[in-house]
Amino acid sequence: MGTRKAEEELYSKSTIKRAADKLVKKGLIAAEELSSGTLFTVLDTKEISFFSKALKVFN
C-alpha cells in the first residue's frame, strides 16, 4: 500500500482538468469552481455507468 501523499499525486491537476473538461463538453458532468475546490455534478448517470462498465473490461 502506498502512502496518502503518493495516492494524491497519481494524476496531475492538469490531467484531471483535461479529463473533466472532456466530460463537461460531452454533457456528462457539470463543474463549478468554489472557494474550497471544484464541485462536480453528474448529469447523465446512464452514460457514466456505461463508461464505468467499459473501463472494467479493459482493466
Protein backbone atom coordinates (compact mmCIF):
# COMPACT_ATOMS: atom_id res chain seq x y z
CA MET A 1 0.00 0.00 0.00
CA GLY A 2 1.22 3.48 -0.81
CA THR A 3 1.09 6.48 1.37
CA ARG A 4 -1.69 9.02 1.18
CA LYS A 5 0.73 11.52 -0.37
CA ALA A 6 1.63 9.08 -3.16
CA GLU A 7 -2.05 8.43 -3.89
CA GLU A 8 -2.77 12.17 -4.11
CA GLU A 9 -0.06 12.60 -6.75
CA LEU A 10 -1.26 9.79 -9.00
CA TYR A 11 -2.60 12.30 -11.55
CA SER A 12 -1.54 15.89 -12.08
CA LYS A 13 -4.06 18.71 -11.77
CA SER A 14 -3.74 19.41 -15.49
CA THR A 15 -4.56 15.77 -16.35
CA ILE A 16 -7.65 15.85 -14.15
CA LYS A 17 -8.68 19.23 -15.63
CA ARG A 18 -8.40 17.91 -19.20
CA ALA A 19 -10.46 14.82 -18.35
CA ALA A 20 -13.10 16.88 -16.55
CA ASP A 21 -13.28 19.37 -19.42
CA LYS A 22 -13.94 16.50 -21.85
CA LEU A 23 -16.76 15.17 -19.65
CA VAL A 24 -18.27 18.66 -19.38
CA LYS A 25 -18.09 19.10 -23.16
CA LYS A 26 -19.90 15.75 -23.62
CA GLY A 27 -22.60 16.85 -21.18
CA LEU A 28 -21.86 14.09 -18.69
CA ILE A 29 -20.89 16.34 -15.77
CA ALA A 30 -21.05 19.98 -14.70
CA ALA A 31 -18.10 21.60 -12.95
CA GLU A 32 -18.31 24.63 -10.67
CA GLU A 33 -15.33 26.39 -9.12
CA LEU A 34 -15.80 27.10 -5.40
CA SER A 35 -13.51 28.73 -2.86
CA SER A 36 -12.80 25.28 -1.38
CA GLY A 37 -12.21 23.50 -4.71
CA THR A 38 -14.21 22.21 -7.66
CA LEU A 39 -17.70 20.77 -7.37
CA PHE A 40 -18.53 18.10 -9.97
CA THR A 41 -22.15 17.17 -10.62
CA VAL A 42 -23.03 14.04 -12.60
CA LEU A 43 -25.63 14.92 -15.25
CA ASP A 44 -26.07 11.69 -17.21
CA THR A 45 -25.85 8.61 -15.00
CA LYS A 46 -26.65 6.17 -17.82
CA GLU A 47 -23.62 7.28 -19.82
CA ILE A 48 -21.36 7.31 -16.76
CA SER A 49 -22.49 3.76 -15.92
CA PHE A 50 -21.71 2.62 -19.47
CA PHE A 51 -18.18 4.06 -19.36
CA SER A 52 -17.57 2.61 -15.91
CA LYS A 53 -18.52 -0.87 -17.11
CA ALA A 54 -16.40 -0.47 -20.26
CA LEU A 55 -13.36 0.55 -18.22
CA LYS A 56 -13.71 -2.54 -16.02
CA VAL A 57 -13.48 -4.72 -19.12
CA PHE A 58 -10.19 -3.16 -20.15
CA ASN A 59 -8.59 -3.06 -16.68
